Amino acid sequence: MHARRPRVPPHTTVPPHAYFVVSAMFHYLGPSFAVLLFARVAVLGVAWLRIASAAAIFAAWRRPWRMGRALDAHGRRLLLTWGAVLAVMNVCFYSAISRLPLGTVSAIEFLPVVALAALGARTLRNGLALALAVLGVGLLTDVRLAGAALGFAFAFANAILFAAYIVLADRVAKRPGLSGIDGLGAAMLVALVVVTPIGGWRALPAFGDPVALLAGIGVGLSSSVIPYVTDQLAMARLPRATYALMVALLPAVASVIGIIVLGQVPSLTEVVGVLLVVAGVGAHRGGAP
């Protein structure tokens, strides 16, 4: 008799980098839709709709509350912290892009992530790869010190929280006995509790506007379900430093989405920036997961 081969989960047959590509695409598709929604719903209301719709989808799909019984105190604290970070990060991000260009906020968001990548860049090759990515992002995003001071405050707060999101999400993805996607669903429920006193009341007008409500659900699906799930599937099999450097692709993806969704054709400088970012990501070599 032949020994039965162990069943391989289907999602593990897909390269982790492919999951990151999906995450990168939706990372800026969602905000593009959100910017269009600002004309109908207040900024904090859009942030609430995004988190609430994502929490509802995860609740129906994964029922993450069942996982809480099996967690120890440290696991619960990890999910509570992650949920709070998700809530405040989304509020800061939307508050920033309502005051500053998306490219500027993206560049600021990238800065702490560089530090995470640098922690793992212990070889000359990785150091050069990181330098190429940073140079490419600088050319691509054309950071300008223009705009409201409050917008920059929100942008830098979002950047710090985005780095914290990567660290916490990586810990959940690699924690034994804790499903990354179920953990994400639980954290999203926590985020809904945290964000409701902040922005729930600003979302009330959307319930009288079916178009705005459907758009808000679409923002939640494209911003907090698809990219965060694929993040978990990628992080579970990629070293944190590799993932952090690959985040440098996000501004490059943003420029492509800008062409498709907003009709923003990049300049020659921006094209060079894209090529440098891709070269940096391609040159980087991470350690074993």
C-alpha atoms as a PDB file:
ATOM      1  CA  MET A   1       0.000   0.000   0.000  1.00  0.00           C
ATOM      2  CA  HIS A   2       1.176   3.497  -0.768  1.00  0.00           C
ATOM      3  CA  ALA A   3       1.364   5.944   2.107  1.00  0.00           C
ATOM      4  CA  ARG A   4      -1.172   8.721   1.738  1.00  0.00           C
ATOM      5  CA  ARG A   5       0.478  12.040   1.015  1.00  0.00           C
ATOM      6  CA  PRO A   6      -0.293  14.770   3.537  1.00  0.00           C
ATOM      7  CA  ARG A   7      -2.879  17.250   2.292  1.00  0.00           C
ATOM      8  CA  VAL A   8      -1.282  20.526   1.213  1.00  0.00           C
ATOM      9  CA  PRO A   9      -3.411  23.635   1.825  1.00  0.00           C
ATOM     10  CA  PRO A  10      -4.187  25.203  -1.579  1.00  0.00           C
ATOM     11  CA  HIS A  11      -2.998  28.673  -0.571  1.00  0.00           C
ATOM     12  CA  THR A  12       0.523  27.370   0.143  1.00  0.00           C
ATOM     13  CA  THR A  13       0.983  26.341  -3.497  1.00  0.00           C
ATOM     14  CA  VAL A  14       0.879  30.001  -4.560  1.00  0.00           C
ATOM     15  CA  PRO A  15       4.207  31.886  -4.267  1.00  0.00           C
ATOM     16  CA  PRO A  16       4.081  34.372  -1.350  1.00  0.00           C
ATOM     17  CA  HIS A  17       5.253  37.163  -3.663  1.00  0.00           C
ATOM     18  CA  ALA A  18       2.061  36.712  -5.720  1.00  0.00           C
ATOM     19  CA  TYR A  19      -0.008  37.413  -2.622  1.00  0.00           C
ATOM     20  CA  PHE A  20       2.005  40.568  -2.047  1.00  0.00           C
ATOM     21  CA  VAL A  21       1.282  41.763  -5.602  1.00  0.00           C
ATOM     22  CA  VAL A  22      -2.461  41.423  -4.953  1.00  0.00           C
ATOM     23  CA  SER A  23      -2.080  43.264  -1.648  1.00  0.00           C
ATOM     24  CA  ALA A  24      -0.098  46.050  -3.309  1.00  0.00           C
ATOM     25  CA  MET A  25      -2.712  46.560  -6.020  1.00  0.00           C
ATOM     26  CA  PHE A  26      -5.570  46.903  -3.563  1.00  0.00           C
ATOM     27  CA  HIS A  27      -3.532  48.955  -1.090  1.00  0.00           C
ATOM     28  CA  TYR A  28      -4.081  51.989  -3.342  1.00  0.00           C
ATOM     29  CA  LEU A  29      -7.216  50.975  -5.213  1.00  0.00           C
ATOM     30  CA  GLY A  30      -9.121  51.283  -1.950  1.00  0.00           C
ATOM     31  CA  PRO A  31      -7.853  54.789  -1.090  1.00  0.00           C
ATOM     32  CA  SER A  32      -8.576  55.923  -4.661  1.00  0.00           C
ATOM     33  CA  PHE A  33     -12.211  54.918  -4.195  1.00  0.00           C
ATOM     34  CA  ALA A  34     -12.236  56.505  -0.734  1.00  0.00           C
ATOM     35  CA  VAL A  35     -11.072  59.876  -2.095  1.00  0.00           C
ATOM     36  CA  LEU A  36     -14.006  59.836  -4.511  1.00  0.00           C
ATOM     37  CA  LEU A  37     -16.331  58.984  -1.608  1.00  0.00           C
ATOM     38  CA  PHE A  38     -15.210  62.044   0.403  1.00  0.00           C
ATOM     39  CA  ALA A  39     -17.624  64.122  -1.685  1.00  0.00           C
ATOM     40  CA  ARG A  40     -20.568  62.223  -0.147  1.00  0.00           C
ATOM     41  CA  VAL A  41     -19.382  61.199   3.336  1.00  0.00           C
ATOM     42  CA  ALA A  42     -17.117  62.914   5.886  1.00  0.00           C
ATOM     43  CA  VAL A  43     -13.553  61.629   6.181  1.00  0.00           C
ATOM     44  CA  LEU A  44     -14.057  59.974   9.577  1.00  0.00           C
ATOM     45  CA  GLY A  45     -17.318  58.482   8.309  1.00  0.00           C
ATOM     46  CA  VAL A  46     -15.466  56.844   5.410  1.00  0.00           C
ATOM     47  CA  ALA A  47     -12.906  55.436   7.861  1.00  0.00           C
ATOM     48  CA  TRP A  48     -15.749  53.960   9.941  1.00  0.00           C
ATOM     49  CA  LEU A  49     -17.479  52.479   6.873  1.00  0.00           C
ATOM     50  CA  ARG A  50     -14.224  50.861   5.789  1.00  0.00           C
ATOM     51  CA  ILE A  51     -13.616  49.171   9.139  1.00  0.00           C
ATOM     52  CA  ALA A  52     -17.271  48.320   9.808  1.00  0.00           C
ATOM     53  CA  SER A  53     -17.811  46.652   6.437  1.00  0.00           C
ATOM     54  CA  ALA A  54     -14.528  44.703   6.762  1.00  0.00           C
ATOM     55  CA  ALA A  55     -15.452  43.605  10.298  1.00  0.00           C
ATOM     56  CA  ALA A  56     -18.868  42.418   9.073  1.00  0.00           C
ATOM     57  CA  ILE A  57     -17.288  40.412   6.239  1.00  0.00           C
ATOM     58  CA  PHE A  58     -14.770  38.756   8.573  1.00  0.00           C
ATOM     59  CA  ALA A  59     -17.483  38.036  11.146  1.00  0.00           C
ATOM     60  CA  ALA A  60     -19.671  36.257   8.575  1.00  0.00           C
ATOM     61  CA  TRP A  61     -16.736  34.491   6.924  1.00  0.00           C
ATOM     62  CA  ARG A  62     -14.493  33.424   9.818  1.00  0.00           C
ATOM     63  CA  ARG A  63     -16.469  33.922  13.049  1.00  0.00           C
ATOM     64  CA  PRO A  64     -13.228  34.942  14.756  1.00  0.00           C
ATOM     65  CA  TRP A  65     -14.696  35.206  18.262  1.00  0.00           C
ATOM     66  CA  ARG A  66     -14.538  31.397  18.524  1.00  0.00           C
ATOM     67  CA  MET A  67     -10.748  31.602  18.462  1.00  0.00           C
ATOM     68  CA  GLY A  68     -10.572  33.789  21.577  1.00  0.00           C
ATOM     69  CA  ARG A  69     -11.337  30.930  23.950  1.00  0.00           C
ATOM     70  CA  ALA A  70      -8.168  29.074  22.963  1.00  0.00           C
ATOM     71  CA  LEU A  71      -5.829  32.075  23.251  1.00  0.00           C
ATOM     72  CA  ASP A  72      -3.621  32.808  26.234  1.00  0.00           C
ATOM     73  CA  ALA A  73      -3.355  36.271  27.775  1.00  0.00           C
ATOM     74  CA  HIS A  74      -0.439  37.262  25.529  1.00  0.00           C
ATOM     75  CA  GLY A  75      -2.343  36.262  22.387  1.00  0.00           C
ATOM     76  CA  ARG A  76      -5.358  38.317  23.447  1.00  0.00           C
ATOM     77  CA  ARG A  77      -3.195  41.361  24.163  1.00  0.00           C
ATOM     78  CA  LEU A  78      -1.570  40.970  20.748  1.00  0.00           C
ATOM     79  CA  LEU A  79      -4.943  40.988  18.971  1.00  0.00           C
ATOM     80  CA  LEU A  80      -6.267  43.887  21.068  1.00  0.00           C
ATOM     81  CA  THR A  81      -3.179  45.946  20.277  1.00  0.00           C
ATOM     82  CA  TRP A  82      -3.350  45.083  16.585  1.00  0.00           C
ATOM     83  CA  GLY A  83      -7.010  46.073  16.426  1.00  0.00           C
ATOM     84  CA  ALA A  84      -6.374  49.423  18.111  1.00  0.00           C
ATOM     85  CA  VAL A  85      -3.499  50.121  15.713  1.00  0.00           C
ATOM     86  CA  LEU A  86      -5.700  49.270  12.706  1.00  0.00           C
ATOM     87  CA  ALA A  87      -8.407  51.671  13.878  1.00  0.00           C
ATOM     88  CA  VAL A  88      -6.197  54.674  14.584  1.00  0.00           C
ATOM     89  CA  MET A  89      -4.013  54.019  11.515  1.00  0.00           C
ATOM     90  CA  ASN A  90      -7.022  54.168   9.194  1.00  0.00           C
ATOM     91  CA  VAL A  91      -8.311  57.363  10.813  1.00  0.00           C
ATOM     92  CA  CYS A  92      -4.894  59.024  10.451  1.00  0.00           C
ATOM     93  CA  PHE A  93      -4.457  57.812   6.858  1.00  0.00           C
ATOM     94  CA  TYR A  94      -7.787  59.154   5.639  1.00  0.00           C
ATOM     95  CA  SER A  95      -7.305  62.390   7.569  1.00  0.00           C
ATOM     96  CA  ALA A  96      -3.929  62.782   5.843  1.00  0.00           C
ATOM     97  CA  ILE A  97      -5.050  62.042   2.249  1.00  0.00           C
ATOM     98  CA  SER A  98      -7.944  64.462   2.662  1.00  0.00           C
ATOM     99  CA  ARG A  99      -5.366  67.244   3.209  1.00  0.00           C
ATOM    100  CA  LEU A 100      -2.276  66.144   1.236  1.00  0.00           C
ATOM    101  CA  PRO A 101      -1.548  64.466  -2.133  1.00  0.00           C
ATOM    102  CA  LEU A 102      -1.692  60.681  -1.965  1.00  0.00           C
ATOM    103  CA  GLY A 103       1.900  60.461  -3.260  1.00  0.00           C
ATOM    104  CA  THR A 104       3.197  62.633  -0.419  1.00  0.00           C
ATOM    105  CA  VAL A 105       1.377  60.563   2.202  1.00  0.00           C
ATOM    106  CA  SER A 106       2.694  57.397   0.552  1.00  0.00           C
ATOM    107  CA  ALA A 107       6.275  58.637   0.727  1.00  0.00           C
ATOM    108  CA  ILE A 108       5.950  59.553   4.400  1.00  0.00           C
ATOM    109  CA  GLU A 109       4.307  56.185   5.088  1.00  0.00           C
ATOM    110  CA  PHE A 110       7.323  54.468   3.566  1.00  0.00           C
ATOM    111  CA  LEU A 111       9.938  56.075   5.869  1.00  0.00           C
ATOM    112  CA  PRO A 112       9.527  53.891   8.994  1.00  0.00           C
ATOM    113  CA  VAL A 113       9.233  50.816   6.788  1.00  0.00           C
ATOM    114  CA  VAL A 114      12.738  51.574   5.506  1.00  0.00           C
ATOM    115  CA  ALA A 115      13.959  51.224   9.075  1.00  0.00           C
ATOM    116  CA  LEU A 116      12.327  47.783   9.351  1.00  0.00           C
ATOM    117  CA  ALA A 117      13.983  46.699   6.115  1.00  0.00           C
ATOM    118  CA  ALA A 118      17.333  48.109   7.265  1.00  0.00           C
ATOM    119  CA  LEU A 119      17.236  45.877  10.349  1.00  0.00           C
ATOM    120  CA  GLY A 120      17.415  42.885   8.027  1.00  0.00           C
ATOM    121  CA  ALA A 121      19.825  44.420   5.469  1.00  0.00           C
ATOM    122  CA  ARG A 122      23.034  42.999   6.951  1.00  0.00           C
ATOM    123  CA  THR A 123      24.829  42.329   3.672  1.00  0.00           C
ATOM    124  CA  LEU A 124      26.263  44.689   1.075  1.00  0.00           C
ATOM    125  CA  ARG A 125      23.787  43.399  -1.515  1.00  0.00           C
ATOM    126  CA  ASN A 126      20.811  44.083   0.744  1.00  0.00           C
ATOM    127  CA  GLY A 127      22.175  47.489   1.691  1.00  0.00           C
ATOM    128  CA  LEU A 128      22.499  48.465  -1.981  1.00  0.00           C
ATOM    129  CA  ALA A 129      19.022  47.085  -2.691  1.00  0.00           C
ATOM    130  CA  LEU A 130      17.585  49.220   0.083  1.00  0.00           C
ATOM    131  CA  ALA A 131      19.430  52.297  -1.219  1.00  0.00           C
ATOM    132  CA  LEU A 132      18.005  51.750  -4.713  1.00  0.00           C
ATOM    133  CA  ALA A 133      14.481  51.402  -3.321  1.00  0.00           C
ATOM    134  CA  VAL A 134      14.779  54.560  -1.212  1.00  0.00           C
ATOM    135  CA  LEU A 135      16.154  56.560  -4.145  1.00  0.00           C
ATOM    136  CA  GLY A 136      13.370  55.275  -6.393  1.00  0.00           C
ATOM    137  CA  VAL A 137      10.664  56.188  -3.897  1.00  0.00           C
ATOM    138  CA  GLY A 138      12.167  59.658  -3.511  1.00  0.00           C
ATOM    139  CA  LEU A 139      12.047  60.235  -7.275  1.00  0.00           C
ATOM    140  CA  LEU A 140       8.637  58.662  -7.672  1.00  0.00           C
ATOM    141  CA  THR A 141       6.712  60.420  -4.959  1.00  0.00           C
ATOM    142  CA  ASP A 142       8.326  63.868  -5.232  1.00  0.00           C
ATOM    143  CA  VAL A 143       7.865  64.706  -1.569  1.00  0.00           C
ATOM    144  CA  ARG A 144       6.862  68.344  -1.160  1.00  0.00           C
ATOM    145  CA  LEU A 145       6.625  70.265   2.075  1.00  0.00           C
ATOM    146  CA  ALA A 146       3.355  71.841   0.999  1.00  0.00           C
ATOM    147  CA  GLY A 147       0.002  71.545   2.675  1.00  0.00           C
ATOM    148  CA  ALA A 148      -1.542  71.925   6.082  1.00  0.00           C
ATOM    149  CA  ALA A 149       0.619  71.196   9.097  1.00  0.00           C
ATOM    150  CA  LEU A 150      -2.184  69.038  10.481  1.00  0.00           C
ATOM    151  CA  GLY A 151      -2.065  66.920   7.327  1.00  0.00           C
ATOM    152  CA  PHE A 152       1.610  66.189   7.891  1.00  0.00           C
ATOM    153  CA  ALA A 153       0.963  65.368  11.537  1.00  0.00           C
ATOM    154  CA  PHE A 154      -1.634  62.788  10.477  1.00  0.00           C
ATOM    155  CA  ALA A 155       0.706  61.469   7.748  1.00  0.00           C
ATOM    156  CA  PHE A 156       3.607  60.902  10.146  1.00  0.00           C
ATOM    157  CA  ALA A 157       1.297  59.339  12.745  1.00  0.00           C
ATOM    158  CA  ASN A 158      -0.022  57.005  10.035  1.00  0.00           C
ATOM    159  CA  ALA A 159       3.546  56.104   9.027  1.00  0.00           C
ATOM    160  CA  ILE A 160       4.485  55.085  12.567  1.00  0.00           C
ATOM    161  CA  LEU A 161       1.291  53.082  12.930  1.00  0.00           C
ATOM    162  CA  PHE A 162       1.849  51.410   9.532  1.00  0.00           C
ATOM    163  CA  ALA A 163       5.249  50.169  10.722  1.00  0.00           C
ATOM    164  CA  ALA A 164       3.587  48.913  13.916  1.00  0.00           C
ATOM    165  CA  TYR A 165       0.943  47.175  11.764  1.00  0.00           C
ATOM    166  CA  ILE A 166       3.660  45.290   9.869  1.00  0.00           C
ATOM    167  CA  VAL A 167       5.347  44.146  13.096  1.00  0.00           C
ATOM    168  CA  LEU A 168       2.085  43.057  14.759  1.00  0.00           C
ATOM    169  CA  ALA A 169       0.719  41.400  11.616  1.00  0.00           C
ATOM    170  CA  ASP A 170       3.997  39.514  11.197  1.00  0.00           C
ATOM    171  CA  ARG A 171       3.806  38.245  14.798  1.00  0.00           C
ATOM    172  CA  VAL A 172       0.234  37.050  14.321  1.00  0.00           C
ATOM    173  CA  ALA A 173       1.047  35.381  10.981  1.00  0.00           C
ATOM    174  CA  LYS A 174       3.943  33.444  12.510  1.00  0.00           C
ATOM    175  CA  ARG A 175       2.464  32.719  15.958  1.00  0.00           C
ATOM    176  CA  PRO A 176       1.946  28.946  16.472  1.00  0.00           C
ATOM    177  CA  GLY A 177      -1.649  27.989  17.076  1.00  0.00           C
ATOM    178  CA  LEU A 178      -3.014  31.304  15.825  1.00  0.00           C
ATOM    179  CA  SER A 179      -4.558  31.535  12.355  1.00  0.00           C
ATOM    180  CA  GLY A 180      -3.405  34.766  10.754  1.00  0.00           C
ATOM    181  CA  ILE A 181      -6.702  35.369   8.924  1.00  0.00           C
ATOM    182  CA  ASP A 182      -8.817  34.525  11.982  1.00  0.00           C
ATOM    183  CA  GLY A 183      -6.568  36.793  14.035  1.00  0.00           C
ATOM    184  CA  LEU A 184      -7.112  39.534  11.475  1.00  0.00           C
ATOM    185  CA  GLY A 185     -10.871  39.072  11.752  1.00  0.00           C
ATOM    186  CA  ALA A 186     -10.710  39.348  15.539  1.00  0.00           C
ATOM    187  CA  ALA A 187      -8.489  42.429  15.326  1.00  0.00           C
ATOM    188  CA  MET A 188     -10.931  44.035  12.872  1.00  0.00           C
ATOM    189  CA  LEU A 189     -13.772  43.581  15.383  1.00  0.00           C
ATOM    190  CA  VAL A 190     -11.604  45.294  17.998  1.00  0.00           C
ATOM    191  CA  ALA A 191     -10.870  48.074  15.480  1.00  0.00           C
ATOM    192  CA  LEU A 192     -14.613  48.582  14.958  1.00  0.00           C
ATOM    193  CA  VAL A 193     -15.128  49.036  18.709  1.00  0.00           C
ATOM    194  CA  VAL A 194     -12.255  51.548  18.851  1.00  0.00           C
ATOM    195  CA  VAL A 195     -13.252  53.568  15.759  1.00  0.00           C
ATOM    196  CA  THR A 196     -16.994  53.802  16.456  1.00  0.00           C
ATOM    197  CA  PRO A 197     -16.779  56.603  19.065  1.00  0.00           C
ATOM    198  CA  ILE A 198     -14.373  58.463  16.745  1.00  0.00           C
ATOM    199  CA  GLY A 199     -16.152  58.283  13.400  1.00  0.00           C
ATOM    200  CA  GLY A 200     -19.335  56.248  13.671  1.00  0.00           C
ATOM    201  CA  TRP A 201     -21.577  59.299  13.967  1.00  0.00           C
ATOM    202  CA  ARG A 202     -20.006  60.836  10.839  1.00  0.00           C
ATOM    203  CA  ALA A 203     -21.102  57.803   8.800  1.00  0.00           C
ATOM    204  CA  LEU A 204     -24.806  58.192   9.625  1.00  0.00           C
ATOM    205  CA  PRO A 205     -25.616  60.212   6.427  1.00  0.00           C
ATOM    206  CA  ALA A 206     -24.389  57.265   4.315  1.00  0.00           C
ATOM    207  CA  PHE A 207     -27.288  55.115   5.537  1.00  0.00           C
ATOM    208  CA  GLY A 208     -29.657  57.456   3.698  1.00  0.00           C
ATOM    209  CA  ASP A 209     -27.565  57.328   0.519  1.00  0.00           C
ATOM    210  CA  PRO A 210     -27.486  53.820  -1.053  1.00  0.00           C
ATOM    211  CA  VAL A 211     -24.694  54.786  -3.471  1.00  0.00           C
ATOM    212  CA  ALA A 212     -22.482  56.046  -0.646  1.00  0.00           C
ATOM    213  CA  LEU A 213     -23.244  52.988   1.472  1.00  0.00           C
ATOM    214  CA  LEU A 214     -22.365  50.559  -1.316  1.00  0.00           C
ATOM    215  CA  ALA A 215     -19.232  52.548  -2.082  1.00  0.00           C
ATOM    216  CA  GLY A 216     -18.237  52.391   1.581  1.00  0.00           C
ATOM    217  CA  ILE A 217     -18.651  48.622   1.573  1.00  0.00           C
ATOM    218  CA  GLY A 218     -16.525  48.469  -1.573  1.00  0.00           C
ATOM    219  CA  VAL A 219     -13.826  50.538   0.117  1.00  0.00           C
ATOM    220  CA  GLY A 220     -13.830  48.167   3.082  1.00  0.00           C
ATOM    221  CA  LEU A 221     -13.568  45.100   0.843  1.00  0.00           C
ATOM    222  CA  SER A 222     -10.802  46.540  -1.345  1.00  0.00           C
ATOM    223  CA  SER A 223      -8.880  48.254   1.474  1.00  0.00           C
ATOM    224  CA  SER A 224      -9.205  46.081   4.583  1.00  0.00           C
ATOM    225  CA  VAL A 225     -10.221  42.586   3.457  1.00  0.00           C
ATOM    226  CA  ILE A 226      -8.409  41.673   0.244  1.00  0.00           C
ATOM    227  CA  PRO A 227      -5.044  43.365   0.982  1.00  0.00           C
ATOM    228  CA  TYR A 228      -4.929  42.403   4.667  1.00  0.00           C
ATOM    229  CA  VAL A 229      -5.785  38.755   3.959  1.00  0.00           C
ATOM    230  CA  THR A 230      -3.142  38.527   1.236  1.00  0.00           C
ATOM    231  CA  ASP A 231      -0.732  40.303   3.594  1.00  0.00           C
ATOM    232  CA  GLN A 232      -1.199  37.485   6.095  1.00  0.00           C
ATOM    233  CA  LEU A 233      -0.716  34.814   3.430  1.00  0.00           C
ATOM    234  CA  ALA A 234       2.504  36.525   2.298  1.00  0.00           C
ATOM    235  CA  MET A 235       3.874  37.299   5.765  1.00  0.00           C
ATOM    236  CA  ALA A 236       3.421  33.709   6.917  1.00  0.00           C
ATOM    237  CA  ARG A 237       6.098  32.646   4.388  1.00  0.00           C
ATOM    238  CA  LEU A 238       8.324  35.724   3.987  1.00  0.00           C
ATOM    239  CA  PRO A 239      10.947  37.127   6.375  1.00  0.00           C
ATOM    240  CA  ARG A 240       9.813  40.450   7.863  1.00  0.00           C
ATOM    241  CA  ALA A 241      12.764  42.343   6.315  1.00  0.00           C
ATOM    242  CA  THR A 242      11.923  41.002   2.849  1.00  0.00           C
ATOM    243  CA  TYR A 243       8.282  41.995   3.219  1.00  0.00           C
ATOM    244  CA  ALA A 244       9.203  45.445   4.536  1.00  0.00           C
ATOM    245  CA  LEU A 245      11.449  46.139   1.554  1.00  0.00           C
ATOM    246  CA  MET A 246       8.809  44.888  -0.874  1.00  0.00           C
ATOM    247  CA  VAL A 247       6.480  47.536   0.545  1.00  0.00           C
ATOM    248  CA  ALA A 248       8.670  49.930  -1.451  1.00  0.00           C
ATOM    249  CA  LEU A 249       6.675  48.691  -4.447  1.00  0.00           C
ATOM    250  CA  LEU A 250       3.547  50.409  -3.138  1.00  0.00           C
ATOM    251  CA  PRO A 251       4.329  53.878  -4.550  1.00  0.00           C
ATOM    252  CA  ALA A 252       5.154  52.229  -7.893  1.00  0.00           C
ATOM    253  CA  VAL A 253       1.816  50.434  -7.858  1.00  0.00           C
ATOM    254  CA  ALA A 254       0.154  53.725  -6.889  1.00  0.00           C
ATOM    255  CA  SER A 255       1.501  55.363 -10.039  1.00  0.00           C
ATOM    256  CA  VAL A 256       0.078  52.569 -12.206  1.00  0.00           C
ATOM    257  CA  ILE A 257      -3.301  52.832 -10.485  1.00  0.00           C
ATOM    258  CA  GLY A 258      -3.124  56.593 -10.972  1.00  0.00           C
ATOM    259  CA  ILE A 259      -2.867  56.045 -14.736  1.00  0.00           C
ATOM    260  CA  ILE A 260      -5.764  53.575 -14.833  1.00  0.00           C
ATOM    261  CA  VAL A 261      -8.173  55.135 -12.330  1.00  0.00           C
ATOM    262  CA  LEU A 262      -7.292  58.832 -12.300  1.00  0.00           C
ATOM    263  CA  GLY A 263      -5.666  59.324 -15.713  1.00  0.00           C
ATOM    264  CA  GLN A 264      -2.399  60.548 -14.175  1.00  0.00           C
ATOM    265  CA  VAL A 265       0.382  59.849 -16.701  1.00  0.00           C
ATOM    266  CA  PRO A 266       3.795  59.650 -14.967  1.00  0.00           C
ATOM    267  CA  SER A 267       6.698  61.869 -15.940  1.00  0.00           C
ATOM    268  CA  LEU A 268      10.105  60.549 -17.037  1.00  0.00           C
ATOM    269  CA  THR A 269      11.390  61.072 -13.490  1.00  0.00           C
ATOM    270  CA  GLU A 270       8.557  58.973 -12.092  1.00  0.00           C
ATOM    271  CA  VAL A 271       9.268  56.200 -14.612  1.00  0.00           C
ATOM    272  CA  VAL A 272      12.915  56.158 -13.479  1.00  0.00           C
ATOM    273  CA  GLY A 273      11.685  55.984  -9.894  1.00  0.00           C
ATOM    274  CA  VAL A 274       9.548  52.942 -10.672  1.00  0.00           C
ATOM    275  CA  LEU A 275      12.495  51.181 -12.314  1.00  0.00           C
ATOM    276  CA  LEU A 276      14.785  51.907  -9.342  1.00  0.00           C
ATOM    277  CA  VAL A 277      12.218  50.573  -6.873  1.00  0.00           C
ATOM    278  CA  VAL A 278      11.716  47.394  -8.902  1.00  0.00           C
ATOM    279  CA  ALA A 279      15.506  46.981  -9.190  1.00  0.00           C
ATOM    280  CA  GLY A 280      15.901  47.359  -5.433  1.00  0.00           C
ATOM    281  CA  VAL A 281      13.219  44.790  -4.676  1.00  0.00           C
ATOM    282  CA  GLY A 282      14.637  42.397  -7.256  1.00  0.00           C
ATOM    283  CA  ALA A 283      18.188  42.712  -5.881  1.00  0.00           C
ATOM    284  CA  HIS A 284      17.192  42.092  -2.267  1.00  0.00           C
ATOM    285  CA  ARG A 285      17.762  38.633  -0.793  1.00  0.00           C
ATOM    286  CA  GLY A 286      16.008  37.685   2.424  1.00  0.00           C
ATOM    287  CA  GLY A 287      16.878  34.977   4.905  1.00  0.00           C
ATOM    288  CA  ALA A 288      14.883  31.833   5.501  1.00  0.00           C
ATOM    289  CA  PRO A 289      11.311  32.404   6.717  1.00  0.00           C
END
